[in-house]
Amino acid sequence: MDGLVLREHIEVGQRVEQVVISAELDGELRQVAEVGAVGYQHFAQVGPLTTSHLEVSVTRSRGPVALDTCLIREGGTRTE
């Protein structure tokens, strides 16, 4: 995996202020990226890396949030 696209449902306003992305690497959950405001769409570079577990945590927001995610694999292949 090379990256992760985050999309916020901004119809109700931009609310996400910070996101932490973690991946299981060598049996341990490790932070691989930190993102500020997401807005309509934000690309987070996290790799290249191979993992079986990925965690996206909204660590700061201005209220309830809804996010969509899309993995970007090597070569630009998207997995929604």
Protein backbone atom coordinates (compact mmCIF):
# COMPACT_ATOMS: atom_id res chain seq x y z
CA MET A 1 0.00 0.00 0.00
CA ASP A 2 1.30 3.45 -0.89
CA GLY A 3 -1.35 5.82 0.38
CA LEU A 4 -4.80 6.42 1.71
CA VAL A 5 -7.39 8.87 0.42
CA LEU A 6 -9.65 10.30 3.12
CA ARG A 7 -12.94 11.97 2.17
CA GLU A 8 -15.04 13.91 4.62
CA HIS A 9 -18.80 14.33 4.18
CA ILE A 10 -18.65 18.12 4.09
CA GLU A 11 -22.35 18.61 3.39
CA VAL A 12 -22.68 19.14 7.16
CA GLY A 13 -19.49 21.22 7.36
CA GLN A 14 -15.79 20.51 7.65
CA ARG A 15 -15.30 18.94 11.06
CA VAL A 16 -12.16 16.79 11.02
CA GLU A 17 -9.14 18.62 12.43
CA GLN A 18 -6.68 15.74 12.92
CA VAL A 19 -6.40 12.08 11.88
CA VAL A 20 -3.78 9.51 12.88
CA ILE A 21 -3.20 6.49 10.61
CA SER A 22 -1.59 3.39 12.12
CA ALA A 23 -0.61 0.07 10.56
CA GLU A 24 0.42 -3.27 12.04
CA LEU A 25 4.08 -3.74 11.19
CA ASP A 26 6.14 -6.64 12.56
CA GLY A 27 3.28 -7.55 14.91
CA GLU A 28 3.05 -4.05 16.40
CA LEU A 29 0.60 -1.19 15.71
CA ARG A 30 2.67 1.83 14.62
CA GLN A 31 1.72 5.32 13.50
CA VAL A 32 2.51 5.76 9.80
CA ALA A 33 0.91 9.17 9.13
CA GLU A 34 -0.73 12.17 10.77
CA VAL A 35 -3.09 14.42 8.83
CA GLY A 36 -4.55 17.82 9.69
CA ALA A 37 -7.87 18.96 8.23
CA VAL A 38 -9.33 16.48 5.73
CA GLY A 39 -11.97 18.53 3.91
CA TYR A 40 -13.49 17.18 0.70
CA GLN A 41 -10.49 14.92 0.00
CA HIS A 42 -6.98 14.44 1.37
CA PHE A 43 -4.22 12.07 0.20
CA ALA A 44 -2.02 10.64 2.96
CA GLN A 45 1.26 9.01 1.89
CA VAL A 46 1.86 6.00 4.16
CA GLY A 47 4.11 3.64 2.25
CA PRO A 48 5.04 1.64 0.45
CA LEU A 49 4.16 -0.86 3.15
CA THR A 50 2.45 -4.22 3.54
CA THR A 51 0.02 -4.71 6.42
CA SER A 52 -2.97 -6.83 7.38
CA HIS A 53 -4.34 -4.24 9.81
CA LEU A 54 -4.88 -0.51 9.24
CA GLU A 55 -6.42 1.87 11.76
CA VAL A 56 -7.72 5.39 11.01
CA SER A 57 -8.40 7.44 14.16
CA VAL A 58 -9.98 10.88 14.22
CA THR A 59 -8.10 12.45 17.13
CA ARG A 60 -9.57 15.96 16.93
CA SER A 61 -12.84 17.18 15.41
CA ARG A 62 -15.52 19.86 15.68
CA GLY A 63 -18.36 17.39 16.27
CA PRO A 64 -19.46 14.02 14.85
CA VAL A 65 -17.72 13.02 11.61
CA ALA A 66 -18.20 10.66 8.68
CA LEU A 67 -15.19 9.62 6.59
CA ASP A 68 -14.77 7.47 3.50
CA THR A 69 -11.40 5.86 2.82
CA CYS A 70 -9.75 4.51 -0.29
CA LEU A 71 -6.45 2.58 -0.32
CA ILE A 72 -3.92 3.38 -3.04
CA ARG A 73 -1.78 0.43 -4.00
CA GLU A 74 1.50 0.45 -5.87
CA GLY A 75 0.93 1.58 -9.43
CA GLY A 76 -2.10 3.72 -8.53
CA THR A 77 -4.70 0.95 -8.11
CA ARG A 78 -7.53 2.11 -5.85
CA THR A 79 -9.42 -0.09 -3.37
CA GLU A 80 -12.56 1.52 -1.94
